[in-house]
Amino acid sequence: MAEYYPVKLRQAGEFELEISWSDGHESVYPVRVLRLNCPCALCVHELSGRKILDEAAVSADVKPMVINPEGRYAINIHWTDGHKTGIYTYELLRSLCPCSECRASRESKD
């Protein structure tokens, strides 16, 4: 199990998803960013890891319709564009956190 996990997920706005984490961190994601970072084999080449999703084909107003837990390590999102095969691990979600603290941490590792 991840060292942190969501304790609360909620729609923060029409196009934002907020996750409150067990370590007290708060993440607010633009939902289209999550859709564009789907890790499934339809969106990312399984062998090379190269993104194959055509971002231009994803509508600017795409939104989650259903969010389901996947065990104790991830969530699965069913999107308004019909896509539903991506499993977003907690580790992936934290790596995508757009807050200034997380961005700075990522940049310092690069």
PDB file of N, CA and C in Angstrom:
ATOM      1  N   MET A   1       0.842  -1.182   0.000  1.00  0.00           N
ATOM      2  CA  MET A   1       0.000   0.000   0.000  1.00  0.00           C
ATOM      3  C   MET A   1       0.886   1.244   0.000  1.00  0.00           C
ATOM      4  N   ALA A   2       0.418   2.290  -0.669  1.00  0.00           N
ATOM      5  CA  ALA A   2       1.168   3.543  -0.730  1.00  0.00           C
ATOM      6  C   ALA A   2       1.304   4.151   0.663  1.00  0.00           C
ATOM      7  N   GLU A   3       2.299   5.006   0.809  1.00  0.00           N
ATOM      8  CA  GLU A   3       2.500   5.642   2.109  1.00  0.00           C
ATOM      9  C   GLU A   3       1.420   6.671   2.417  1.00  0.00           C
ATOM     10  N   TYR A   4       0.659   7.052   1.421  1.00  0.00           N
ATOM     11  CA  TYR A   4      -0.460   7.972   1.588  1.00  0.00           C
ATOM     12  C   TYR A   4      -1.581   7.496   0.672  1.00  0.00           C
ATOM     13  N   TYR A   5      -2.769   7.883   1.007  1.00  0.00           N
ATOM     14  CA  TYR A   5      -3.934   7.453   0.234  1.00  0.00           C
ATOM     15  C   TYR A   5      -5.005   8.530   0.363  1.00  0.00           C
ATOM     16  N   PRO A   6      -5.928   8.573  -0.602  1.00  0.00           N
ATOM     17  CA  PRO A   6      -6.994   9.568  -0.525  1.00  0.00           C
ATOM     18  C   PRO A   6      -7.940   9.272   0.635  1.00  0.00           C
ATOM     19  N   VAL A   7      -8.279  10.302   1.377  1.00  0.00           N
ATOM     20  CA  VAL A   7      -9.292  10.151   2.415  1.00  0.00           C
ATOM     21  C   VAL A   7     -10.596  10.811   1.966  1.00  0.00           C
ATOM     22  N   LYS A   8     -10.496  11.664   0.933  1.00  0.00           N
ATOM     23  CA  LYS A   8     -11.691  12.326   0.420  1.00  0.00           C
ATOM     24  C   LYS A   8     -11.439  12.733  -1.036  1.00  0.00           C
ATOM     25  N   LEU A   9     -12.396  12.421  -1.885  1.00  0.00           N
ATOM     26  CA  LEU A   9     -12.394  12.887  -3.272  1.00  0.00           C
ATOM     27  C   LEU A   9     -13.679  13.666  -3.474  1.00  0.00           C
ATOM     28  N   ARG A  10     -13.555  14.821  -4.128  1.00  0.00           N
ATOM     29  CA  ARG A  10     -14.767  15.583  -4.407  1.00  0.00           C
ATOM     30  C   ARG A  10     -14.562  16.455  -5.638  1.00  0.00           C
ATOM     31  N   GLN A  11     -15.663  16.762  -6.269  1.00  0.00           N
ATOM     32  CA  GLN A  11     -15.629  17.688  -7.388  1.00  0.00           C
ATOM     33  C   GLN A  11     -15.461  19.085  -6.810  1.00  0.00           C
ATOM     34  N   ALA A  12     -14.358  19.757  -7.179  1.00  0.00           N
ATOM     35  CA  ALA A  12     -14.053  21.079  -6.626  1.00  0.00           C
ATOM     36  C   ALA A  12     -14.600  22.190  -7.513  1.00  0.00           C
ATOM     37  N   GLY A  13     -14.980  21.860  -8.695  1.00  0.00           N
ATOM     38  CA  GLY A  13     -15.540  22.788  -9.662  1.00  0.00           C
ATOM     39  C   GLY A  13     -15.955  21.956 -10.851  1.00  0.00           C
ATOM     40  N   GLU A  14     -16.502  22.592 -11.847  1.00  0.00           N
ATOM     41  CA  GLU A  14     -16.987  21.821 -12.996  1.00  0.00           C
ATOM     42  C   GLU A  14     -15.881  20.988 -13.628  1.00  0.00           C
ATOM     43  N   PHE A  15     -14.656  21.504 -13.616  1.00  0.00           N
ATOM     44  CA  PHE A  15     -13.556  20.822 -14.277  1.00  0.00           C
ATOM     45  C   PHE A  15     -12.374  20.559 -13.347  1.00  0.00           C
ATOM     46  N   GLU A  16     -12.659  20.381 -12.046  1.00  0.00           N
ATOM     47  CA  GLU A  16     -11.594  20.124 -11.084  1.00  0.00           C
ATOM     48  C   GLU A  16     -11.989  19.005 -10.126  1.00  0.00           C
ATOM     49  N   LEU A  17     -11.006  18.192  -9.792  1.00  0.00           N
ATOM     50  CA  LEU A  17     -11.182  17.123  -8.819  1.00  0.00           C
ATOM     51  C   LEU A  17     -10.239  17.392  -7.656  1.00  0.00           C
ATOM     52  N   GLU A  18     -10.771  17.399  -6.449  1.00  0.00           N
ATOM     53  CA  GLU A  18      -9.957  17.626  -5.263  1.00  0.00           C
ATOM     54  C   GLU A  18      -9.761  16.318  -4.521  1.00  0.00           C
ATOM     55  N   ILE A  19      -8.518  16.066  -4.137  1.00  0.00           N
ATOM     56  CA  ILE A  19      -8.204  14.893  -3.316  1.00  0.00           C
ATOM     57  C   ILE A  19      -7.549  15.373  -2.030  1.00  0.00           C
ATOM     58  N   SER A  20      -8.114  14.947  -0.906  1.00  0.00           N
ATOM     59  CA  SER A  20      -7.493  15.156   0.403  1.00  0.00           C
ATOM     60  C   SER A  20      -6.770  13.860   0.734  1.00  0.00           C
ATOM     61  N   TRP A  21      -5.472  13.970   1.036  1.00  0.00           N
ATOM     62  CA  TRP A  21      -4.633  12.806   1.270  1.00  0.00           C
ATOM     63  C   TRP A  21      -4.466  12.525   2.763  1.00  0.00           C
ATOM     64  N   SER A  22      -4.136  11.287   3.075  1.00  0.00           N
ATOM     65  CA  SER A  22      -3.978  10.859   4.470  1.00  0.00           C
ATOM     66  C   SER A  22      -2.836  11.579   5.185  1.00  0.00           C
ATOM     67  N   ASP A  23      -1.889  12.141   4.434  1.00  0.00           N
ATOM     68  CA  ASP A  23      -0.791  12.874   5.059  1.00  0.00           C
ATOM     69  C   ASP A  23      -1.095  14.362   5.211  1.00  0.00           C
ATOM     70  N   GLY A  24      -2.365  14.746   4.930  1.00  0.00           N
ATOM     71  CA  GLY A  24      -2.783  16.129   5.097  1.00  0.00           C
ATOM     72  C   GLY A  24      -2.647  16.985   3.850  1.00  0.00           C
ATOM     73  N   HIS A  25      -2.027  16.462   2.812  1.00  0.00           N
ATOM     74  CA  HIS A  25      -1.858  17.225   1.573  1.00  0.00           C
ATOM     75  C   HIS A  25      -3.198  17.346   0.846  1.00  0.00           C
ATOM     76  N   GLU A  26      -3.393  18.454   0.156  1.00  0.00           N
ATOM     77  CA  GLU A  26      -4.594  18.681  -0.655  1.00  0.00           C
ATOM     78  C   GLU A  26      -4.148  18.883  -2.096  1.00  0.00           C
ATOM     79  N   SER A  27      -4.767  18.163  -3.020  1.00  0.00           N
ATOM     80  CA  SER A  27      -4.467  18.300  -4.445  1.00  0.00           C
ATOM     81  C   SER A  27      -5.742  18.674  -5.177  1.00  0.00           C
ATOM     82  N   VAL A  28      -5.646  19.664  -6.068  1.00  0.00           N
ATOM     83  CA  VAL A  28      -6.775  20.036  -6.919  1.00  0.00           C
ATOM     84  C   VAL A  28      -6.305  19.896  -8.363  1.00  0.00           C
ATOM     85  N   TYR A  29      -6.880  18.940  -9.072  1.00  0.00           N
ATOM     86  CA  TYR A  29      -6.469  18.604 -10.424  1.00  0.00           C
ATOM     87  C   TYR A  29      -7.440  19.137 -11.464  1.00  0.00           C
ATOM     88  N   PRO A  30      -6.937  19.772 -12.509  1.00  0.00           N
ATOM     89  CA  PRO A  30      -7.793  20.002 -13.671  1.00  0.00           C
ATOM     90  C   PRO A  30      -8.090  18.614 -14.261  1.00  0.00           C
ATOM     91  N   VAL A  31      -9.349  18.253 -14.409  1.00  0.00           N
ATOM     92  CA  VAL A  31      -9.669  16.875 -14.785  1.00  0.00           C
ATOM     93  C   VAL A  31      -9.157  16.500 -16.170  1.00  0.00           C
ATOM     94  N   ARG A  32      -9.081  17.443 -17.082  1.00  0.00           N
ATOM     95  CA  ARG A  32      -8.551  17.116 -18.415  1.00  0.00           C
ATOM     96  C   ARG A  32      -7.089  16.678 -18.308  1.00  0.00           C
ATOM     97  N   VAL A  33      -6.339  17.257 -17.392  1.00  0.00           N
ATOM     98  CA  VAL A  33      -4.948  16.845 -17.180  1.00  0.00           C
ATOM     99  C   VAL A  33      -4.898  15.377 -16.763  1.00  0.00           C
ATOM    100  N   LEU A  34      -5.815  14.968 -15.901  1.00  0.00           N
ATOM    101  CA  LEU A  34      -5.868  13.558 -15.500  1.00  0.00           C
ATOM    102  C   LEU A  34      -6.191  12.674 -16.698  1.00  0.00           C
ATOM    103  N   ARG A  35      -7.176  13.085 -17.491  1.00  0.00           N
ATOM    104  CA  ARG A  35      -7.539  12.289 -18.675  1.00  0.00           C
ATOM    105  C   ARG A  35      -6.355  12.177 -19.631  1.00  0.00           C
ATOM    106  N   LEU A  36      -5.621  13.273 -19.841  1.00  0.00           N
ATOM    107  CA  LEU A  36      -4.483  13.261 -20.764  1.00  0.00           C
ATOM    108  C   LEU A  36      -3.313  12.433 -20.225  1.00  0.00           C
ATOM    109  N   ASN A  37      -3.317  12.151 -18.939  1.00  0.00           N
ATOM    110  CA  ASN A  37      -2.256  11.349 -18.327  1.00  0.00           C
ATOM    111  C   ASN A  37      -2.703   9.940 -17.980  1.00  0.00           C
ATOM    112  N   CYS A  38      -3.750   9.485 -18.640  1.00  0.00           N
ATOM    113  CA  CYS A  38      -4.224   8.120 -18.412  1.00  0.00           C
ATOM    114  C   CYS A  38      -3.088   7.145 -18.737  1.00  0.00           C
ATOM    115  N   PRO A  39      -2.812   6.204 -17.828  1.00  0.00           N
ATOM    116  CA  PRO A  39      -1.692   5.279 -18.023  1.00  0.00           C
ATOM    117  C   PRO A  39      -2.042   3.973 -18.737  1.00  0.00           C
ATOM    118  N   CYS A  40      -3.251   3.827 -19.238  1.00  0.00           N
ATOM    119  CA  CYS A  40      -3.666   2.544 -19.806  1.00  0.00           C
ATOM    120  C   CYS A  40      -2.983   2.268 -21.149  1.00  0.00           C
ATOM    121  N   ALA A  41      -3.094   1.033 -21.607  1.00  0.00           N
ATOM    122  CA  ALA A  41      -2.439   0.601 -22.846  1.00  0.00           C
ATOM    123  C   ALA A  41      -3.041   1.258 -24.091  1.00  0.00           C
ATOM    124  N   LEU A  42      -4.226   1.830 -23.994  1.00  0.00           N
ATOM    125  CA  LEU A  42      -4.795   2.557 -25.128  1.00  0.00           C
ATOM    126  C   LEU A  42      -4.195   3.956 -25.235  1.00  0.00           C
ATOM    127  N   CYS A  43      -3.619   4.439 -24.147  1.00  0.00           N
ATOM    128  CA  CYS A  43      -3.082   5.804 -24.096  1.00  0.00           C
ATOM    129  C   CYS A  43      -1.554   5.854 -24.047  1.00  0.00           C
ATOM    130  N   VAL A  44      -0.940   4.776 -23.586  1.00  0.00           N
ATOM    131  CA  VAL A  44       0.521   4.709 -23.454  1.00  0.00           C
ATOM    132  C   VAL A  44       0.982   3.371 -24.030  1.00  0.00           C
ATOM    133  N   HIS A  45       1.966   3.419 -24.917  1.00  0.00           N
ATOM    134  CA  HIS A  45       2.502   2.191 -25.508  1.00  0.00           C
ATOM    135  C   HIS A  45       3.078   1.309 -24.412  1.00  0.00           C
ATOM    136  N   GLU A  46       2.625   0.066 -24.365  1.00  0.00           N
ATOM    137  CA  GLU A  46       2.994  -0.829 -23.268  1.00  0.00           C
ATOM    138  C   GLU A  46       4.489  -1.129 -23.186  1.00  0.00           C
ATOM    139  N   LEU A  47       5.167  -1.222 -24.306  1.00  0.00           N
ATOM    140  CA  LEU A  47       6.583  -1.579 -24.280  1.00  0.00           C
ATOM    141  C   LEU A  47       7.500  -0.370 -24.137  1.00  0.00           C
ATOM    142  N   SER A  48       7.197   0.691 -24.873  1.00  0.00           N
ATOM    143  CA  SER A  48       8.095   1.853 -24.859  1.00  0.00           C
ATOM    144  C   SER A  48       7.748   2.862 -23.771  1.00  0.00           C
ATOM    145  N   GLY A  49       6.501   2.853 -23.312  1.00  0.00           N
ATOM    146  CA  GLY A  49       6.056   3.853 -22.341  1.00  0.00           C
ATOM    147  C   GLY A  49       5.741   5.193 -22.990  1.00  0.00           C
ATOM    148  N   ARG A  50       5.814   5.246 -24.321  1.00  0.00           N
ATOM    149  CA  ARG A  50       5.548   6.479 -25.062  1.00  0.00           C
ATOM    150  C   ARG A  50       4.040   6.742 -25.116  1.00  0.00           C
ATOM    151  N   LYS A  51       3.679   7.997 -24.899  1.00  0.00           N
ATOM    152  CA  LYS A  51       2.263   8.370 -24.956  1.00  0.00           C
ATOM    153  C   LYS A  51       1.775   8.231 -26.391  1.00  0.00           C
ATOM    154  N   ILE A  52       0.657   7.522 -26.576  1.00  0.00           N
ATOM    155  CA  ILE A  52       0.071   7.369 -27.903  1.00  0.00           C
ATOM    156  C   ILE A  52      -1.302   8.032 -27.998  1.00  0.00           C
ATOM    157  N   LEU A  53      -1.786   8.545 -26.904  1.00  0.00           N
ATOM    158  CA  LEU A  53      -3.058   9.261 -26.893  1.00  0.00           C
ATOM    159  C   LEU A  53      -2.945  10.529 -27.722  1.00  0.00           C
ATOM    160  N   ASP A  54      -3.882  10.739 -28.621  1.00  0.00           N
ATOM    161  CA  ASP A  54      -3.937  11.976 -29.396  1.00  0.00           C
ATOM    162  C   ASP A  54      -4.649  13.010 -28.526  1.00  0.00           C
ATOM    163  N   GLU A  55      -3.873  13.900 -27.907  1.00  0.00           N
ATOM    164  CA  GLU A  55      -4.440  14.874 -26.977  1.00  0.00           C
ATOM    165  C   GLU A  55      -5.470  15.773 -27.643  1.00  0.00           C
ATOM    166  N   ALA A  56      -5.299  16.058 -28.918  1.00  0.00           N
ATOM    167  CA  ALA A  56      -6.245  16.915 -29.639  1.00  0.00           C
ATOM    168  C   ALA A  56      -7.619  16.247 -29.756  1.00  0.00           C
ATOM    169  N   ALA A  57      -7.654  14.934 -29.653  1.00  0.00           N
ATOM    170  CA  ALA A  57      -8.920  14.203 -29.758  1.00  0.00           C
ATOM    171  C   ALA A  57      -9.701  14.191 -28.447  1.00  0.00           C
ATOM    172  N   VAL A  58      -9.083  14.657 -27.360  1.00  0.00           N
ATOM    173  CA  VAL A  58      -9.749  14.694 -26.056  1.00  0.00           C
ATOM    174  C   VAL A  58     -10.398  16.057 -25.890  1.00  0.00           C
ATOM    175  N   SER A  59     -11.697  16.057 -25.746  1.00  0.00           N
ATOM    176  CA  SER A  59     -12.470  17.297 -25.624  1.00  0.00           C
ATOM    177  C   SER A  59     -12.023  18.135 -24.431  1.00  0.00           C
ATOM    178  N   ALA A  60     -12.044  19.424 -24.602  1.00  0.00           N
ATOM    179  CA  ALA A  60     -11.673  20.348 -23.520  1.00  0.00           C
ATOM    180  C   ALA A  60     -12.633  20.234 -22.339  1.00  0.00           C
ATOM    181  N   ASP A  61     -13.839  19.755 -22.581  1.00  0.00           N
ATOM    182  CA  ASP A  61     -14.823  19.667 -21.500  1.00  0.00           C
ATOM    183  C   ASP A  61     -15.024  18.239 -20.979  1.00  0.00           C
ATOM    184  N   VAL A  62     -14.039  17.361 -21.200  1.00  0.00           N
ATOM    185  CA  VAL A  62     -14.125  15.997 -20.676  1.00  0.00           C
ATOM    186  C   VAL A  62     -14.179  16.044 -19.149  1.00  0.00           C
ATOM    187  N   LYS A  63     -14.983  15.154 -18.573  1.00  0.00           N
ATOM    188  CA  LYS A  63     -15.155  15.118 -17.112  1.00  0.00           C
ATOM    189  C   LYS A  63     -15.306  13.674 -16.641  1.00  0.00           C
ATOM    190  N   PRO A  64     -14.981  13.419 -15.393  1.00  0.00           N
ATOM    191  CA  PRO A  64     -15.256  12.091 -14.834  1.00  0.00           C
ATOM    192  C   PRO A  64     -16.761  11.925 -14.634  1.00  0.00           C
ATOM    193  N   MET A  65     -17.258  10.738 -14.946  1.00  0.00           N
ATOM    194  CA  MET A  65     -18.661  10.408 -14.660  1.00  0.00           C
ATOM    195  C   MET A  65     -18.746   9.541 -13.412  1.00  0.00           C
ATOM    196  N   VAL A  66     -17.797   8.609 -13.290  1.00  0.00           N
ATOM    197  CA  VAL A  66     -17.770   7.670 -12.164  1.00  0.00           C
ATOM    198  C   VAL A  66     -16.312   7.483 -11.756  1.00  0.00           C
ATOM    199  N   ILE A  67     -16.074   7.479 -10.452  1.00  0.00           N
ATOM    200  CA  ILE A  67     -14.744   7.183  -9.925  1.00  0.00           C
ATOM    201  C   ILE A  67     -14.894   6.023  -8.949  1.00  0.00           C
ATOM    202  N   ASN A  68     -14.159   4.939  -9.229  1.00  0.00           N
ATOM    203  CA  ASN A  68     -14.232   3.747  -8.391  1.00  0.00           C
ATOM    204  C   ASN A  68     -12.871   3.431  -7.800  1.00  0.00           C
ATOM    205  N   PRO A  69     -12.843   2.925  -6.570  1.00  0.00           N
ATOM    206  CA  PRO A  69     -11.569   2.478  -6.011  1.00  0.00           C
ATOM    207  C   PRO A  69     -11.105   1.211  -6.722  1.00  0.00           C
ATOM    208  N   GLU A  70      -9.797   1.040  -6.828  1.00  0.00           N
ATOM    209  CA  GLU A  70      -9.179  -0.188  -7.338  1.00  0.00           C
ATOM    210  C   GLU A  70      -8.308  -0.708  -6.200  1.00  0.00           C
ATOM    211  N   GLY A  71      -8.831  -1.637  -5.466  1.00  0.00           N
ATOM    212  CA  GLY A  71      -8.092  -2.148  -4.315  1.00  0.00           C
ATOM    213  C   GLY A  71      -7.776  -1.021  -3.342  1.00  0.00           C
ATOM    214  N   ARG A  72      -6.576  -1.085  -2.761  1.00  0.00           N
ATOM    215  CA  ARG A  72      -6.151  -0.045  -1.832  1.00  0.00           C
ATOM    216  C   ARG A  72      -4.972   0.740  -2.396  1.00  0.00           C
ATOM    217  N   TYR A  73      -4.910   0.807  -3.738  1.00  0.00           N
ATOM    218  CA  TYR A  73      -3.750   1.444  -4.351  1.00  0.00           C
ATOM    219  C   TYR A  73      -4.071   2.408  -5.479  1.00  0.00           C
ATOM    220  N   ALA A  74      -5.336   2.474  -5.914  1.00  0.00           N
ATOM    221  CA  ALA A  74      -5.633   3.257  -7.114  1.00  0.00           C
ATOM    222  C   ALA A  74      -7.120   3.568  -7.229  1.00  0.00           C
ATOM    223  N   ILE A  75      -7.415   4.409  -8.226  1.00  0.00           N
ATOM    224  CA  ILE A  75      -8.805   4.661  -8.610  1.00  0.00           C
ATOM    225  C   ILE A  75      -8.927   4.430 -10.114  1.00  0.00           C
ATOM    226  N   ASN A  76     -10.134   4.124 -10.530  1.00  0.00           N
ATOM    227  CA  ASN A  76     -10.465   3.989 -11.948  1.00  0.00           C
ATOM    228  C   ASN A  76     -11.501   5.063 -12.248  1.00  0.00           C
ATOM    229  N   ILE A  77     -11.306   5.760 -13.373  1.00  0.00           N
ATOM    230  CA  ILE A  77     -12.221   6.844 -13.742  1.00  0.00           C
ATOM    231  C   ILE A  77     -12.908   6.504 -15.051  1.00  0.00           C
ATOM    232  N   HIS A  78     -14.235   6.635 -15.063  1.00  0.00           N
ATOM    233  CA  HIS A  78     -15.019   6.524 -16.286  1.00  0.00           C
ATOM    234  C   HIS A  78     -15.282   7.958 -16.755  1.00  0.00           C
ATOM    235  N   TRP A  79     -14.840   8.274 -17.975  1.00  0.00           N
ATOM    236  CA  TRP A  79     -14.892   9.636 -18.502  1.00  0.00           C
ATOM    237  C   TRP A  79     -16.074   9.854 -19.429  1.00  0.00           C
ATOM    238  N   THR A  80     -16.460  11.109 -19.587  1.00  0.00           N
ATOM    239  CA  THR A  80     -17.578  11.455 -20.467  1.00  0.00           C
ATOM    240  C   THR A  80     -17.280  11.152 -21.933  1.00  0.00           C
ATOM    241  N   ASP A  81     -16.002  10.949 -22.286  1.00  0.00           N
ATOM    242  CA  ASP A  81     -15.680  10.593 -23.671  1.00  0.00           C
ATOM    243  C   ASP A  81     -15.737   9.086 -23.907  1.00  0.00           C
ATOM    244  N   GLY A  82     -16.198   8.331 -22.894  1.00  0.00           N
ATOM    245  CA  GLY A  82     -16.358   6.889 -23.029  1.00  0.00           C
ATOM    246  C   GLY A  82     -15.149   6.085 -22.579  1.00  0.00           C
ATOM    247  N   HIS A  83     -14.052   6.737 -22.306  1.00  0.00           N
ATOM    248  CA  HIS A  83     -12.834   6.031 -21.881  1.00  0.00           C
ATOM    249  C   HIS A  83     -12.991   5.582 -20.431  1.00  0.00           C
ATOM    250  N   LYS A  84     -12.542   4.349 -20.130  1.00  0.00           N
ATOM    251  CA  LYS A  84     -12.700   3.863 -18.755  1.00  0.00           C
ATOM    252  C   LYS A  84     -11.693   2.795 -18.358  1.00  0.00           C
ATOM    253  N   THR A  85     -10.597   2.673 -19.095  1.00  0.00           N
ATOM    254  CA  THR A  85      -9.659   1.589 -18.808  1.00  0.00           C
ATOM    255  C   THR A  85      -8.453   2.010 -17.978  1.00  0.00           C
ATOM    256  N   GLY A  86      -8.324   3.265 -17.662  1.00  0.00           N
ATOM    257  CA  GLY A  86      -7.157   3.726 -16.920  1.00  0.00           C
ATOM    258  C   GLY A  86      -7.277   3.487 -15.424  1.00  0.00           C
ATOM    259  N   ILE A  87      -6.195   2.998 -14.842  1.00  0.00           N
ATOM    260  CA  ILE A  87      -6.105   2.837 -13.394  1.00  0.00           C
ATOM    261  C   ILE A  87      -5.046   3.823 -12.908  1.00  0.00           C
ATOM    262  N   TYR A  88      -5.494   4.792 -12.128  1.00  0.00           N
ATOM    263  CA  TYR A  88      -4.628   5.852 -11.625  1.00  0.00           C
ATOM    264  C   TYR A  88      -4.160   5.480 -10.225  1.00  0.00           C
ATOM    265  N   THR A  89      -2.911   5.028 -10.117  1.00  0.00           N
ATOM    266  CA  THR A  89      -2.389   4.673  -8.800  1.00  0.00           C
ATOM    267  C   THR A  89      -2.261   5.938  -7.965  1.00  0.00           C
ATOM    268  N   TYR A  90      -2.258   5.761  -6.670  1.00  0.00           N
ATOM    269  CA  TYR A  90      -2.077   6.918  -5.789  1.00  0.00           C
ATOM    270  C   TYR A  90      -0.729   7.577  -6.055  1.00  0.00           C
ATOM    271  N   GLU A  91       0.281   6.754  -6.343  1.00  0.00           N
ATOM    272  CA  GLU A  91       1.604   7.293  -6.658  1.00  0.00           C
ATOM    273  C   GLU A  91       1.543   8.177  -7.908  1.00  0.00           C
ATOM    274  N   LEU A  92       0.841   7.721  -8.946  1.00  0.00           N
ATOM    275  CA  LEU A  92       0.701   8.529 -10.162  1.00  0.00           C
ATOM    276  C   LEU A  92      -0.040   9.823  -9.857  1.00  0.00           C
ATOM    277  N   LEU A  93      -1.134   9.726  -9.127  1.00  0.00           N
ATOM    278  CA  LEU A  93      -1.907  10.929  -8.806  1.00  0.00           C
ATOM    279  C   LEU A  93      -1.056  11.947  -8.059  1.00  0.00           C
ATOM    280  N   ARG A  94      -0.288  11.493  -7.078  1.00  0.00           N
ATOM    281  CA  ARG A  94       0.568  12.442  -6.345  1.00  0.00           C
ATOM    282  C   ARG A  94       1.628  13.034  -7.262  1.00  0.00           C
ATOM    283  N   SER A  95       2.131  12.239  -8.199  1.00  0.00           N
ATOM    284  CA  SER A  95       3.149  12.758  -9.117  1.00  0.00           C
ATOM    285  C   SER A  95       2.581  13.810 -10.063  1.00  0.00           C
ATOM    286  N   LEU A  96       1.273  13.803 -10.241  1.00  0.00           N
ATOM    287  CA  LEU A  96       0.604  14.778 -11.115  1.00  0.00           C
ATOM    288  C   LEU A  96       0.067  15.992 -10.352  1.00  0.00           C
ATOM    289  N   CYS A  97       0.210  16.017  -9.032  1.00  0.00           N
ATOM    290  CA  CYS A  97      -0.335  17.119  -8.236  1.00  0.00           C
ATOM    291  C   CYS A  97       0.208  18.444  -8.774  1.00  0.00           C
ATOM    292  N   PRO A  98      -0.691  19.364  -9.104  1.00  0.00           N
ATOM    293  CA  PRO A  98      -0.258  20.627  -9.712  1.00  0.00           C
ATOM    294  C   PRO A  98       0.086  21.736  -8.722  1.00  0.00           C
ATOM    295  N   CYS A  99       0.035  21.468  -7.422  1.00  0.00           N
ATOM    296  CA  CYS A  99       0.294  22.539  -6.460  1.00  0.00           C
ATOM    297  C   CYS A  99       1.749  23.007  -6.556  1.00  0.00           C
ATOM    298  N   SER A 100       2.003  24.215  -6.097  1.00  0.00           N
ATOM    299  CA  SER A 100       3.347  24.795  -6.204  1.00  0.00           C
ATOM    300  C   SER A 100       4.381  23.983  -5.432  1.00  0.00           C
ATOM    301  N   GLU A 101       4.015  23.447  -4.289  1.00  0.00           N
ATOM    302  CA  GLU A 101       4.938  22.637  -3.489  1.00  0.00           C
ATOM    303  C   GLU A 101       5.372  21.387  -4.253  1.00  0.00           C
ATOM    304  N   CYS A 102       4.417  20.678  -4.841  1.00  0.00           N
ATOM    305  CA  CYS A 102       4.740  19.448  -5.577  1.00  0.00           C
ATOM    306  C   CYS A 102       5.490  19.765  -6.867  1.00  0.00           C
ATOM    307  N   ARG A 103       5.115  20.842  -7.551  1.00  0.00           N
ATOM    308  CA  ARG A 103       5.837  21.238  -8.770  1.00  0.00           C
ATOM    309  C   ARG A 103       7.288  21.538  -8.442  1.00  0.00           C
ATOM    310  N   ALA A 104       7.524  22.294  -7.371  1.00  0.00           N
ATOM    311  CA  ALA A 104       8.888  22.643  -6.970  1.00  0.00           C
ATOM    312  C   ALA A 104       9.684  21.392  -6.629  1.00  0.00           C
ATOM    313  N   SER A 105       9.062  20.450  -5.962  1.00  0.00           N
ATOM    314  CA  SER A 105       9.727  19.199  -5.596  1.00  0.00           C
ATOM    315  C   SER A 105      10.120  18.419  -6.847  1.00  0.00           C
ATOM    316  N   ARG A 106       9.222  18.344  -7.838  1.00  0.00           N
ATOM    317  CA  ARG A 106       9.525  17.654  -9.091  1.00  0.00           C
ATOM    318  C   ARG A 106      10.668  18.342  -9.834  1.00  0.00           C
ATOM    319  N   GLU A 107      10.633  19.664  -9.875  1.00  0.00           N
ATOM    320  CA  GLU A 107      11.657  20.426 -10.599  1.00  0.00           C
ATOM    321  C   GLU A 107      13.022  20.266  -9.942  1.00  0.00           C
ATOM    322  N   SER A 108      13.067  20.151  -8.623  1.00  0.00           N
ATOM    323  CA  SER A 108      14.348  20.001  -7.930  1.00  0.00           C
ATOM    324  C   SER A 108      14.961  18.619  -8.187  1.00  0.00           C
ATOM    325  N   LYS A 109      14.125  17.642  -8.568  1.00  0.00           N
ATOM    326  CA  LYS A 109      14.617  16.292  -8.864  1.00  0.00           C
ATOM    327  C   LYS A 109      15.109  16.171 -10.298  1.00  0.00           C
ATOM    328  N   ASP A 110      14.693  17.095 -11.161  1.00  0.00           N
ATOM    329  CA  ASP A 110      15.099  17.043 -12.586  1.00  0.00           C
ATOM    330  C   ASP A 110      16.497  17.519 -12.816  1.00  0.00           C
TER     331      ASP A 110
END
